[in-house]
């Protein structure tokens, strides 16, 4: 049967080598010649090419399929490695991780049970222990690799919810009330609250909905207007207010690297409040986790060691391919809240016999061996080298901030703590806010349409701002300066064209 010739096995090992070489050769040539982060192609232009592919009629040849792939994907791909990709939290990759990705894809281990990935199970557990030590969570810590920060946050809040319900049932039983878990769940679930900064990641609200919490369960805590860090005074008042209302704060979410500003909430003071109120503290360090290996800036995460759970995204600031994330907990026992046993997969007797099945801790069942990429990175480069790369992008953001501060064409929102710059074009005095916002967004759109750079935007204080997210050590101050010049040119062009109509002249 000809179809068997496409299976990866001992008989096709040579073809595997040849076909993968065709792909890697093409990508290597592409990487060497890419001169912009994006072509500027529109959905309207690209969709007909993709829709025109007849998926029921195979090409029968890897080279031909790669030629087609060039037209529908590679030609217009967004290249995160380009120094003028400045948009989102996407990093260029380190080579050892890419090698790990290739090995992982070919072996295709599934990380749910020991009998599907023996060595992988132990390697993942070792990396979790290594990360937990870097965080400072203590010898009782544990965790699991996940698909990304959103899943890590969901998992952490699930554990926090179940702990809150467990403690409520325990208190009810101790006071002679109805300690039945089901009754307690029904009574307490509507009262559960999550306190998070008003600029925390949207996955916190999304997780609350998935977890069946009340529509108003996530309480936004104001941030300081100057630093964009969570206000500890506001958090303290919110905790007291919840207590007066008979609401149970199941978690306080602190952010170590907000998506919009890169700001790091005051972790030690938040930890003090959580300890005083007996509240679960979760730290979303999806972005800021690169500080764990920074040779110079680890102190910015002081206080994270007091958290009950932590989210880390290696595919942001450890320069790993997507996906590579983890959720860590101080007390490994709480992971039992996500443990389910199935006779066909991980029967209870395996746990009793100390067989390490990772599915016992995970929300996922089938799961990729994403830990291999980080393992290869640490074994080839070492953590200090990764931290040096992250330090470079933080340094570059500070250089960019100084450029913006000295440039009268721009207004900058906040001095960066990590590698994010939030700013906007400053028009002439008297320019209507709506027109100024439109000019700011026009500049971003033109950069993308012309393929000159990719940048992001956000809304803060009711106004539109532009955002550089710097995660590429190859981005230079000259790149930043050149993109700023382009932004100013486009914004001023839009203002010149639109101002007479906007002003009624």
Protein backbone atom coordinates (compact mmCIF):
# COMPACT_ATOMS: atom_id res chain seq x y z
CA UNK A 1 0.00 0.00 0.00
CA UNK A 2 1.49 3.30 -1.13
CA UNK A 3 -0.03 5.15 1.80
CA UNK A 4 2.30 3.29 4.16
CA UNK A 5 5.29 4.91 2.50
CA UNK A 6 4.33 8.15 4.27
CA UNK A 7 4.62 6.70 7.78
CA UNK A 8 7.70 7.63 9.79
CA UNK A 9 9.46 4.41 10.76
CA UNK A 10 12.65 2.46 10.17
CA UNK A 11 11.78 1.86 6.52
CA UNK A 12 11.31 5.57 5.77
CA UNK A 13 14.17 6.95 7.85
CA UNK A 14 16.13 8.02 4.77
CA UNK A 15 13.12 9.73 3.23
CA UNK A 16 12.48 11.48 6.54
CA UNK A 17 16.02 12.82 6.46
CA UNK A 18 15.65 13.96 2.85
CA UNK A 19 12.25 15.61 3.25
CA UNK A 20 13.15 17.42 6.46
CA UNK A 21 16.34 18.64 4.77
CA UNK A 22 14.24 20.10 1.95
CA UNK A 23 12.16 22.00 4.50
CA UNK A 24 15.07 23.22 6.62
CA UNK A 25 17.04 24.29 3.55
CA UNK A 26 14.08 26.36 2.38
CA UNK A 27 13.58 27.96 5.79
CA UNK A 28 17.30 28.69 6.12
CA UNK A 29 17.28 30.47 2.76
CA UNK A 30 14.17 32.36 3.80
CA UNK A 31 15.68 33.47 7.09
CA UNK A 32 18.79 34.70 5.26
CA UNK A 33 16.79 36.85 2.85
CA UNK A 34 13.84 38.20 4.87
CA UNK A 35 14.15 41.99 4.81
CA UNK A 36 10.98 42.98 6.66
CA UNK A 37 8.78 41.48 9.36
CA UNK A 38 5.72 41.33 7.10
CA UNK A 39 4.69 41.81 3.48
CA UNK A 40 1.60 43.81 4.33
CA UNK A 41 -0.70 41.34 2.59
CA UNK A 42 -4.40 41.79 3.34
CA UNK A 43 -6.89 39.02 4.18
CA UNK A 44 -8.74 39.91 0.97
CA UNK A 45 -5.62 39.22 -1.12
CA UNK A 46 -4.44 36.09 0.65
CA UNK A 47 -7.74 34.28 1.22
CA UNK A 48 -8.31 33.37 -2.47
CA UNK A 49 -4.93 31.63 -2.60
CA UNK A 50 -5.71 29.52 0.46
CA UNK A 51 -9.28 28.83 -0.62
CA UNK A 52 -8.04 27.78 -4.06
CA UNK A 53 -6.08 24.82 -2.71
CA UNK A 54 -7.83 21.52 -3.46
CA UNK A 55 -7.24 19.55 -0.27
CA UNK A 56 -8.80 16.44 -1.79
CA UNK A 57 -6.18 16.24 -4.55
CA UNK A 58 -2.70 15.65 -3.10
CA UNK A 59 0.45 16.88 -4.79
CA UNK A 60 2.23 13.64 -3.96
CA UNK A 61 5.61 15.30 -3.59
CA UNK A 62 7.20 17.13 -0.67
CA UNK A 63 9.05 19.60 -2.88
CA UNK A 64 5.84 20.52 -4.68
CA UNK A 65 4.00 20.92 -1.39
CA UNK A 66 6.75 23.21 -0.13
CA UNK A 67 6.50 25.28 -3.31
CA UNK A 68 2.78 25.68 -2.68
CA UNK A 69 3.46 26.45 0.97
CA UNK A 70 5.65 29.33 -0.13
CA UNK A 71 2.63 30.95 -1.79
CA UNK A 72 0.01 30.38 0.90
CA UNK A 73 2.14 30.79 4.03
CA UNK A 74 5.88 31.41 3.93
CA UNK A 75 5.86 34.37 1.54
CA UNK A 76 3.53 36.36 3.81
CA UNK A 77 4.48 34.92 7.20
CA UNK A 78 5.09 37.28 10.10
CA UNK A 79 8.75 36.92 11.06
CA UNK A 80 9.30 37.42 14.76
CA UNK A 81 13.07 37.24 14.36
CA UNK A 82 13.16 40.47 12.35
CA UNK A 83 14.45 43.42 14.43
CA UNK A 84 11.49 45.60 13.43
CA UNK A 85 8.88 43.17 14.67
CA UNK A 86 7.86 45.18 17.73
CA UNK A 87 4.23 44.22 18.16
CA UNK A 88 3.28 41.48 20.60
CA UNK A 89 4.89 39.20 23.16
CA UNK A 90 6.48 37.00 20.50
CA UNK A 91 10.17 36.29 20.76
CA UNK A 92 12.86 35.17 18.33
CA UNK A 93 14.05 31.65 19.00
CA UNK A 94 17.29 30.23 20.29
CA UNK A 95 18.71 27.45 18.14
CA UNK A 96 18.87 24.71 20.81
CA UNK A 97 15.12 25.08 21.33
CA UNK A 98 14.47 24.75 17.60
CA UNK A 99 16.54 21.56 17.60
CA UNK A 100 14.45 20.33 20.53
CA UNK A 101 11.28 21.10 18.57
CA UNK A 102 12.50 18.98 15.66
CA UNK A 103 13.37 16.04 17.93
CA UNK A 104 10.06 16.36 19.75
CA UNK A 105 8.03 16.33 16.53
CA UNK A 106 9.74 13.22 15.21
CA UNK A 107 9.55 11.15 18.40
CA UNK A 108 6.07 12.54 19.21
CA UNK A 109 5.96 11.57 22.86
CA UNK A 110 2.71 12.14 24.71
CA UNK A 111 3.24 13.45 28.21
CA UNK A 112 0.15 12.08 29.92
CA UNK A 113 1.50 8.78 31.26
CA UNK A 114 4.81 7.15 32.13
CA UNK A 115 4.32 4.38 29.60
CA UNK A 116 4.11 6.97 26.80
CA UNK A 117 7.10 9.10 27.76
CA UNK A 118 9.37 7.67 30.41
CA UNK A 119 12.42 9.92 30.10
CA UNK A 120 10.25 12.86 29.09
CA UNK A 121 8.23 12.53 32.29
CA UNK A 122 11.35 12.76 34.44
CA UNK A 123 12.85 15.59 32.39
CA UNK A 124 9.69 17.66 32.63
CA UNK A 125 9.52 17.09 36.38
CA UNK A 126 13.16 18.10 36.72
CA UNK A 127 12.52 21.35 34.83
CA UNK A 128 9.51 22.12 37.01
CA UNK A 129 11.68 21.61 40.09
CA UNK A 130 14.40 23.81 38.55
CA UNK A 131 11.94 26.61 37.83
CA UNK A 132 10.33 26.34 41.26
CA UNK A 133 13.77 26.72 42.85
CA UNK A 134 14.41 29.79 40.72
CA UNK A 135 11.11 31.22 41.93
CA UNK A 136 11.91 30.25 45.53
CA UNK A 137 8.75 28.27 46.26
CA UNK A 138 10.41 25.73 48.55
CA UNK A 139 10.84 21.96 48.60
CA UNK A 140 7.10 21.22 48.60
CA UNK A 141 6.54 22.90 45.23
CA UNK A 142 5.40 21.26 42.02
CA UNK A 143 3.73 22.14 38.74
CA UNK A 144 3.04 21.13 35.17
CA UNK A 145 3.82 22.37 31.68
CA UNK A 146 0.85 23.93 29.87
CA UNK A 147 -0.05 25.34 26.46
CA UNK A 148 0.40 28.96 27.53
CA UNK A 149 -0.25 31.65 30.08
CA UNK A 150 -4.01 31.57 29.68
CA UNK A 151 -4.16 27.87 30.54
CA UNK A 152 -1.70 28.34 33.38
CA UNK A 153 -3.85 31.11 34.86
CA UNK A 154 -6.98 28.99 34.45
CA UNK A 155 -5.31 26.06 36.20
CA UNK A 156 -4.10 28.25 39.07
CA UNK A 157 -7.53 29.79 39.60
CA UNK A 158 -9.15 26.35 39.50
CA UNK A 159 -6.87 25.27 42.34
CA UNK A 160 -7.56 28.49 44.24
CA UNK A 161 -11.32 27.99 43.83
CA UNK A 162 -11.18 24.42 45.10
CA UNK A 163 -9.02 25.40 48.06
CA UNK A 164 -11.47 28.16 48.96
CA UNK A 165 -14.37 25.70 48.81
CA UNK A 166 -12.44 23.09 50.81
CA UNK A 167 -11.65 25.58 53.56
CA UNK A 168 -15.26 26.81 53.62
CA UNK A 169 -16.49 23.24 54.09
CA UNK A 170 -13.94 22.71 56.85
CA UNK A 171 -15.07 25.87 58.67
CA UNK A 172 -18.72 24.91 58.31
CA UNK A 173 -18.04 21.48 59.78
CA UNK A 174 -16.01 22.94 62.66
CA UNK A 175 -18.81 25.33 63.62
CA UNK A 176 -21.48 22.66 63.56
CA UNK A 177 -23.00 23.76 60.28
CA UNK A 178 -23.67 21.78 57.14
CA UNK A 179 -20.20 20.68 56.05
CA UNK A 180 -21.45 18.74 53.05
CA UNK A 181 -19.14 19.74 50.15
CA UNK A 182 -22.03 19.98 47.71
CA UNK A 183 -24.05 22.25 49.95
CA UNK A 184 -21.04 24.41 50.70
CA UNK A 185 -20.23 24.70 46.99
CA UNK A 186 -23.73 25.86 46.17
CA UNK A 187 -23.68 28.42 48.98
CA UNK A 188 -20.15 29.73 48.59
CA UNK A 189 -19.55 29.66 44.81
CA UNK A 190 -21.64 32.79 44.09
CA UNK A 191 -19.69 34.70 46.76
CA UNK A 192 -16.20 33.91 45.44
CA UNK A 193 -14.17 36.88 44.23
CA UNK A 194 -10.86 37.32 42.42
CA UNK A 195 -9.01 40.60 42.91
CA UNK A 196 -6.74 41.58 40.02
CA UNK A 197 -5.36 44.84 38.71
CA UNK A 198 -7.50 46.67 36.20
CA UNK A 199 -4.85 45.95 33.56
CA UNK A 200 -4.37 42.26 34.32
CA UNK A 201 -4.49 39.76 31.46
CA UNK A 202 -7.91 39.11 29.96
CA UNK A 203 -7.51 35.40 30.75
CA UNK A 204 -8.35 36.18 34.38
CA UNK A 205 -11.87 37.26 33.44
CA UNK A 206 -12.15 34.43 30.95
CA UNK A 207 -11.06 31.87 33.54
CA UNK A 208 -13.64 33.15 36.01
CA UNK A 209 -16.38 32.55 33.48
CA UNK A 210 -15.09 29.06 32.65
CA UNK A 211 -14.95 28.24 36.36
CA UNK A 212 -18.59 29.14 36.86
CA UNK A 213 -18.00 32.17 39.05
CA UNK A 214 -20.45 35.04 39.31
CA UNK A 215 -20.45 37.62 36.48
CA UNK A 216 -18.93 40.21 38.82
CA UNK A 217 -16.47 37.78 40.43
CA UNK A 218 -13.35 39.51 39.09
CA UNK A 219 -12.92 42.79 40.95
CA UNK A 220 -10.62 45.23 39.14
CA UNK A 221 -8.13 46.93 41.44
CA UNK A 222 -6.93 50.39 40.31
CA UNK A 223 -3.32 50.92 39.29
CA UNK A 224 -1.06 53.84 40.03
CA UNK A 225 -1.31 56.31 37.15
CA UNK A 226 2.45 56.91 37.08
CA UNK A 227 3.82 53.37 37.33
CA UNK A 228 0.77 51.33 36.20
CA UNK A 229 1.34 49.01 39.15
CA UNK A 230 -1.48 47.72 41.32
CA UNK A 231 -2.32 50.14 44.13
CA UNK A 232 -1.74 48.35 47.42
CA UNK A 233 -4.02 50.78 49.24
CA UNK A 234 -6.80 50.04 46.75
CA UNK A 235 -6.20 46.31 47.15
CA UNK A 236 -6.39 46.58 50.93
CA UNK A 237 -9.69 48.46 50.68
CA UNK A 238 -11.06 45.89 48.23
CA UNK A 239 -10.16 43.04 50.58
CA UNK A 240 -11.87 44.79 53.49
CA UNK A 241 -14.92 45.59 51.37
CA UNK A 242 -15.29 41.96 50.32
CA UNK A 243 -15.05 40.85 53.94
CA UNK A 244 -17.79 43.29 55.00
CA UNK A 245 -20.06 42.00 52.22
CA UNK A 246 -19.55 38.38 53.18
CA UNK A 247 -17.69 37.67 49.94
CA UNK A 248 -14.82 35.18 49.87
CA UNK A 249 -11.71 36.34 48.07
CA UNK A 250 -10.49 33.08 46.59
CA UNK A 251 -7.40 34.68 44.99
CA UNK A 252 -5.48 37.88 44.51
CA UNK A 253 -3.77 37.97 41.13
CA UNK A 254 -0.57 40.00 40.98
CA UNK A 255 1.04 40.57 37.60
CA UNK A 256 4.79 40.48 37.02
CA UNK A 257 4.86 42.09 33.62
CA UNK A 258 1.52 43.43 32.42
CA UNK A 259 0.79 42.94 28.74
CA UNK A 260 0.22 46.61 28.05
CA UNK A 261 2.94 48.26 30.13
CA UNK A 262 5.30 45.55 31.37
CA UNK A 263 4.64 46.83 34.89
CA UNK A 264 5.38 44.63 37.90
CA UNK A 265 2.94 44.82 40.76
CA UNK A 266 4.45 45.38 44.25
CA UNK A 267 4.75 41.70 45.09
CA UNK A 268 6.10 41.89 48.69
CA UNK A 269 3.32 44.22 49.86
CA UNK A 270 0.65 42.21 48.05
CA UNK A 271 2.01 39.06 49.70
CA UNK A 272 1.72 40.70 53.12
CA UNK A 273 -1.94 41.53 52.50
CA UNK A 274 -2.68 38.02 51.24
CA UNK A 275 -1.05 36.46 54.28
CA UNK A 276 -2.95 38.79 56.61
CA UNK A 277 -6.28 37.90 55.00
CA UNK A 278 -5.50 34.21 54.44
CA UNK A 279 -5.96 34.63 50.71
CA UNK A 280 -4.40 32.66 47.84
CA UNK A 281 -1.80 34.73 45.96
CA UNK A 282 -1.28 34.01 42.29
CA UNK A 283 1.45 35.74 40.31
CA UNK A 284 1.03 35.93 36.56
CA UNK A 285 4.67 36.13 35.51
CA UNK A 286 4.05 34.99 31.94
CA UNK A 287 6.04 37.98 30.68
CA UNK A 288 8.36 38.78 33.57
CA UNK A 289 9.57 35.22 34.15
CA UNK A 290 12.71 36.00 32.13
CA UNK A 291 13.89 37.86 35.23
CA UNK A 292 14.30 34.47 36.92
CA UNK A 293 17.48 33.96 34.90
CA UNK A 294 18.58 37.59 34.62
CA UNK A 295 22.12 38.10 35.95
CA UNK A 296 21.27 41.68 36.94
CA UNK A 297 17.52 42.11 37.51
CA UNK A 298 16.30 39.09 39.51
CA UNK A 299 15.47 41.44 42.40
CA UNK A 300 12.55 42.88 40.41
CA UNK A 301 10.69 39.65 41.21
CA UNK A 302 11.31 39.82 44.95
CA UNK A 303 8.16 38.62 46.69
CA UNK A 304 7.23 36.07 44.06
CA UNK A 305 8.58 33.37 46.35
CA UNK A 306 5.64 34.04 48.70
CA UNK A 307 3.03 33.19 46.04
CA UNK A 308 0.78 30.14 46.21
CA UNK A 309 0.89 29.74 42.43
CA UNK A 310 2.88 31.23 39.57
CA UNK A 311 2.46 31.34 35.80
CA UNK A 312 5.58 31.34 33.62
CA UNK A 313 5.76 31.52 29.83
CA UNK A 314 9.06 30.26 28.50
CA UNK A 315 7.83 31.08 24.98
CA UNK A 316 7.90 34.77 25.84
CA UNK A 317 11.07 35.63 27.70
CA UNK A 318 13.08 32.39 27.51
CA UNK A 319 13.13 32.58 23.67
CA UNK A 320 11.33 29.25 23.21
CA UNK A 321 9.02 28.18 20.37
CA UNK A 322 5.29 28.20 21.04
CA UNK A 323 4.10 26.52 23.09
CA UNK A 324 6.07 26.35 26.31
CA UNK A 325 4.52 27.47 29.59
CA UNK A 326 4.03 26.16 33.11
CA UNK A 327 2.00 26.68 36.25
CA UNK A 328 3.80 26.21 39.57
CA UNK A 329 2.36 25.77 43.06
CA UNK A 330 3.94 26.14 46.48
CA UNK A 331 2.15 23.06 47.88
CA UNK A 332 2.09 20.07 45.56
CA UNK A 333 -0.88 18.63 47.45
CA UNK A 334 -3.24 21.21 45.90
CA UNK A 335 -2.65 19.70 42.46
CA UNK A 336 -4.90 16.86 43.57
CA UNK A 337 -7.82 19.18 42.82
CA UNK A 338 -7.20 18.51 39.12
CA UNK A 339 -6.56 14.77 39.50
CA UNK A 340 -8.90 12.24 37.88
CA UNK A 341 -8.26 8.54 37.43
CA UNK A 342 -9.26 6.40 34.47
CA UNK A 343 -8.78 2.63 34.41
CA UNK A 344 -7.69 2.73 30.78
CA UNK A 345 -5.05 5.42 31.34
CA UNK A 346 -3.90 6.14 34.89
CA UNK A 347 -5.65 3.82 37.33
CA UNK A 348 -5.34 4.72 40.99
CA UNK A 349 -3.01 1.77 41.63
CA UNK A 350 -0.31 3.54 39.59
CA UNK A 351 -0.26 6.45 42.03
CA UNK A 352 -0.20 4.00 44.91
CA UNK A 353 2.82 2.34 43.31
CA UNK A 354 4.55 5.71 42.74
CA UNK A 355 4.31 5.56 38.94
CA UNK A 356 4.73 9.19 37.82
CA UNK A 357 1.87 10.00 35.45
CA UNK A 358 1.84 13.68 34.52
CA UNK A 359 -1.85 13.55 33.61
CA UNK A 360 -2.50 13.30 37.36
CA UNK A 361 -1.58 17.00 37.57
CA UNK A 362 -2.68 18.38 34.22
CA UNK A 363 -5.87 19.81 32.75
CA UNK A 364 -4.80 18.29 29.44
CA UNK A 365 -4.56 14.60 28.61
CA UNK A 366 -2.55 14.24 25.41
CA UNK A 367 0.22 16.81 25.70
CA UNK A 368 3.37 17.61 23.76
CA UNK A 369 6.85 17.23 25.25
CA UNK A 370 7.35 21.01 25.24
CA UNK A 371 9.80 20.74 28.11
CA UNK A 372 12.37 19.23 25.75
CA UNK A 373 12.95 22.62 24.11
CA UNK A 374 13.82 24.25 27.41
CA UNK A 375 15.94 21.26 28.39
CA UNK A 376 18.03 21.60 25.21
CA UNK A 377 18.34 25.34 25.76
CA UNK A 378 19.67 24.96 29.28
CA UNK A 379 22.04 22.14 28.32
CA UNK A 380 23.53 24.03 25.35
CA UNK A 381 23.38 27.67 26.48
CA UNK A 382 22.78 27.64 30.21
CA UNK A 383 20.41 29.94 32.13
CA UNK A 384 22.79 32.88 32.38
CA UNK A 385 22.98 33.18 28.60
CA UNK A 386 19.19 33.22 28.34
CA UNK A 387 19.04 35.85 31.06
CA UNK A 388 21.60 37.98 29.26
CA UNK A 389 19.38 38.00 26.17
CA UNK A 390 16.41 39.13 28.25
CA UNK A 391 18.54 41.80 29.90
CA UNK A 392 19.43 43.09 26.45
CA UNK A 393 15.82 43.74 25.48
CA UNK A 394 15.12 45.44 28.82
CA UNK A 395 18.17 47.64 28.25
CA UNK A 396 16.94 48.44 24.75
CA UNK A 397 13.55 49.49 26.08
CA UNK A 398 15.23 51.94 28.44
CA UNK A 399 17.20 53.36 25.50
CA UNK A 400 13.95 53.69 23.57
CA UNK A 401 12.30 55.43 26.52
CA UNK A 402 15.10 57.99 26.60
CA UNK A 403 14.63 58.61 22.87
CA UNK A 404 10.91 59.15 23.37
CA UNK A 405 11.38 61.41 26.38
CA UNK A 406 13.72 63.64 24.37
CA UNK A 407 11.53 63.73 21.25
CA UNK A 408 8.86 66.48 21.23
CA UNK A 409 6.90 64.56 18.58
CA UNK A 410 5.86 61.93 21.12
CA UNK A 411 4.31 61.48 24.53
CA UNK A 412 5.35 58.42 26.53
CA UNK A 413 3.01 56.81 29.06
CA UNK A 414 5.37 55.32 31.63
CA UNK A 415 9.02 54.56 32.24
CA UNK A 416 9.45 50.86 31.40
CA UNK A 417 10.23 48.20 33.99
CA UNK A 418 10.59 45.45 31.39
CA UNK A 419 10.74 45.78 27.61
CA UNK A 420 7.48 47.52 26.67
CA UNK A 421 7.17 51.11 25.50
CA UNK A 422 3.74 52.76 25.37
CA UNK A 423 3.60 56.13 23.60
CA UNK A 424 1.66 58.21 21.10
CA UNK A 425 2.22 60.92 18.56
CA UNK A 426 1.83 64.41 20.01
CA UNK A 427 -0.02 66.66 17.57
CA UNK A 428 -0.16 70.45 17.63
CA UNK A 429 -1.98 72.01 20.60
CA UNK A 430 -5.71 72.23 20.05
CA UNK A 431 -5.94 69.13 17.87
CA UNK A 432 -9.16 67.25 18.71
CA UNK A 433 -8.52 64.07 20.67
CA UNK A 434 -10.42 61.95 18.13
CA UNK A 435 -8.27 63.27 15.30
CA UNK A 436 -5.07 62.70 17.27
CA UNK A 437 -6.15 59.12 18.01
CA UNK A 438 -6.99 58.53 14.36
CA UNK A 439 -3.53 59.75 13.33
CA UNK A 440 -1.91 57.42 15.83
CA UNK A 441 -3.81 54.40 14.51
CA UNK A 442 -3.21 55.43 10.90
CA UNK A 443 0.54 55.39 11.49
CA UNK A 444 0.36 51.84 12.82
CA UNK A 445 -1.75 50.68 9.88
CA UNK A 446 0.61 52.21 7.34
CA UNK A 447 3.66 50.59 8.90
CA UNK A 448 2.01 47.19 8.56
CA UNK A 449 0.59 47.80 5.09
CA UNK A 450 4.01 48.79 3.79
CA UNK A 451 5.76 45.96 5.64
CA UNK A 452 8.16 48.40 7.30
CA UNK A 453 7.52 47.36 10.89
CA UNK A 454 4.88 45.73 13.05
CA UNK A 455 3.86 47.49 16.24
CA UNK A 456 0.90 47.14 18.60
CA UNK A 457 -1.67 49.52 20.01
CA UNK A 458 -3.78 49.74 23.13
CA UNK A 459 -6.24 51.99 24.90
CA UNK A 460 -5.37 53.65 28.20
CA UNK A 461 -7.18 56.47 29.98
CA UNK A 462 -9.67 56.54 27.13
CA UNK A 463 -7.06 57.33 24.48
CA UNK A 464 -5.28 55.28 21.82
CA UNK A 465 -1.58 54.59 22.32
CA UNK A 466 1.07 52.76 20.32
CA UNK A 467 3.17 50.02 21.84
CA UNK A 468 6.60 48.56 21.18
CA UNK A 469 7.08 45.14 22.76
CA UNK A 470 10.81 44.51 22.57
CA UNK A 471 11.81 40.86 22.78
CA UNK A 472 14.49 40.72 20.11
CA UNK A 473 18.06 41.43 21.24
CA UNK A 474 18.88 42.20 17.60
CA UNK A 475 16.60 45.26 17.65
CA UNK A 476 18.87 48.28 17.90
CA UNK A 477 18.32 51.84 19.04
CA UNK A 478 18.70 52.75 15.37
CA UNK A 479 15.76 50.48 14.53
CA UNK A 480 13.66 52.14 17.21
CA UNK A 481 14.61 55.60 16.01
CA UNK A 482 13.86 54.75 12.38
CA UNK A 483 10.41 53.38 13.24
CA UNK A 484 9.65 56.46 15.34
CA UNK A 485 10.50 58.65 12.36
CA UNK A 486 8.13 56.64 10.17
CA UNK A 487 5.35 56.91 12.76
CA UNK A 488 5.75 60.67 12.99
CA UNK A 489 5.74 60.99 9.19
CA UNK A 490 2.55 58.96 8.77
CA UNK A 491 0.76 60.61 11.69
CA UNK A 492 1.59 64.10 10.46
CA UNK A 493 0.51 63.17 6.93
CA UNK A 494 -2.86 62.01 8.25
CA UNK A 495 -3.28 65.16 10.33
CA UNK A 496 -2.45 67.38 7.39
CA UNK A 497 -5.04 65.62 5.23
CA UNK A 498 -7.77 65.38 7.84
CA UNK A 499 -7.36 68.49 9.94
CA UNK A 500 -9.20 70.95 7.65
CA UNK A 501 -12.32 68.75 7.56
CA UNK A 502 -12.14 68.02 11.30
CA UNK A 503 -11.89 71.72 12.09
CA UNK A 504 -14.70 72.64 9.68
CA UNK A 505 -12.49 74.64 7.29
